[in-house]
Every structure is written in C-alpha cells, then in structure tokens.
Protein backbone atom coordinates (compact mmCIF):
# COMPACT_ATOMS: atom_id res chain seq x y z
CA MET A 1 -3.67 27.56 8.64
CA LYS A 2 -0.19 25.55 8.64
CA VAL A 3 1.59 23.50 6.04
CA VAL A 4 3.69 20.93 7.52
CA ALA A 5 6.85 18.79 5.03
CA ASP A 6 8.84 16.80 6.57
CA THR A 7 11.24 15.81 4.22
CA SER A 8 12.78 12.72 6.14
CA LEU A 9 10.29 11.26 5.44
CA CYS A 10 8.97 12.62 1.37
CA GLN A 11 9.78 9.71 -1.05
CA GLY A 12 10.49 12.44 -4.04
CA HIS A 13 6.70 10.96 -5.38
CA GLN A 14 5.49 14.31 -6.21
CA LEU A 15 1.20 14.15 -5.92
CA CYS A 16 1.01 17.33 -4.43
CA GLN A 17 2.57 19.66 -6.94
CA GLY A 18 -0.31 18.39 -8.48
CA GLU A 19 -2.74 18.47 -6.29
CA ALA A 20 -1.40 22.23 -5.06
CA PRO A 21 1.62 23.71 -7.06
CA GLU A 22 1.21 26.95 -5.49
CA VAL A 23 2.12 25.19 -2.37
CA PHE A 24 4.58 22.92 -3.43
CA GLY A 25 7.60 22.93 -5.13
CA PHE A 26 10.26 20.03 -5.81
CA ASP A 27 14.31 20.06 -5.56
CA GLU A 28 15.49 18.09 -7.64
CA ASP A 29 18.69 17.08 -6.67
CA GLY A 30 17.75 16.67 -2.83
CA ASP A 31 14.76 14.31 -4.10
CA VAL A 32 12.05 15.97 -1.60
CA VAL A 33 8.96 18.44 -1.22
CA VAL A 34 10.02 22.32 -0.47
CA LEU A 35 7.40 24.14 0.62
CA LEU A 36 6.46 27.52 -1.28
CA GLN A 37 4.03 28.55 0.87
CA GLU A 38 3.96 27.63 4.84
CA HIS A 39 1.43 30.07 5.08
CA PRO A 40 -1.51 29.64 1.67
CA ASP A 41 -4.47 30.99 1.49
CA GLU A 42 -7.42 29.38 3.00
CA SER A 43 -8.95 29.40 -0.28
CA LEU A 44 -5.56 26.64 -1.64
CA ARG A 45 -7.70 24.23 1.64
CA ALA A 46 -9.15 21.94 -0.30
CA ASP A 47 -6.37 21.81 -3.07
CA VAL A 48 -3.88 21.32 -0.14
CA GLY A 49 -5.88 18.54 1.83
CA THR A 50 -6.60 16.71 -0.89
CA ALA A 51 -2.11 16.90 -1.14
CA VAL A 52 -1.95 15.73 2.28
CA LYS A 53 -4.72 12.34 2.15
CA TYR A 54 -3.40 11.13 -1.07
CA CYS A 55 0.17 11.98 0.54
CA PRO A 56 1.94 8.27 0.11
CA ALA A 57 4.82 8.61 2.38
CA PHE A 58 2.30 10.47 5.17
CA ALA A 59 5.01 12.96 4.78
CA LEU A 60 2.53 16.23 4.55
CA SER A 61 0.74 18.44 7.21
CA ILE A 62 -1.46 20.80 7.99
CA GLU A 63 -1.38 22.33 12.11
CA GLU A 64 -4.06 24.25 12.89
CA GLU A 65 -3.73 28.04 14.00
CA ALA A 66 -5.59 29.61 16.79
C-alpha cells in the first residue's frame, strides 16, 4: 500500500495523526500533514484506513500497488 497526502487540500485538523501517528506527522509552520511513512507496514492498514476515511478535507488516500 502507498499512502498519499495532498497538502494542497490539507486543512491542518491533525485527525490523521491521532489515528496513525506512525504514518502521519504534522508541519507546524506549513500547517499541513507530513507523511512519515509512504509505504507503511500492512499491520497499519486499519489505522491508515481510518485516518483516510475521517479526514475532513479528503486530503488522504491509499493507492494499492501491484
């Protein structure tokens, strides 16, 4: 899985960081999400999926890799 964060859509709510802190960080200066792991371990899929689902700005997505 590949995690994608569109920083042009991010509104700085930081909900993703609460759901998957191993994957999502936060840039205080830019007020946007920062990906800590673009290709997180499969064991984090549920947490990443929750973060994607509840992102108020729809700035996050998961791309499946072949």
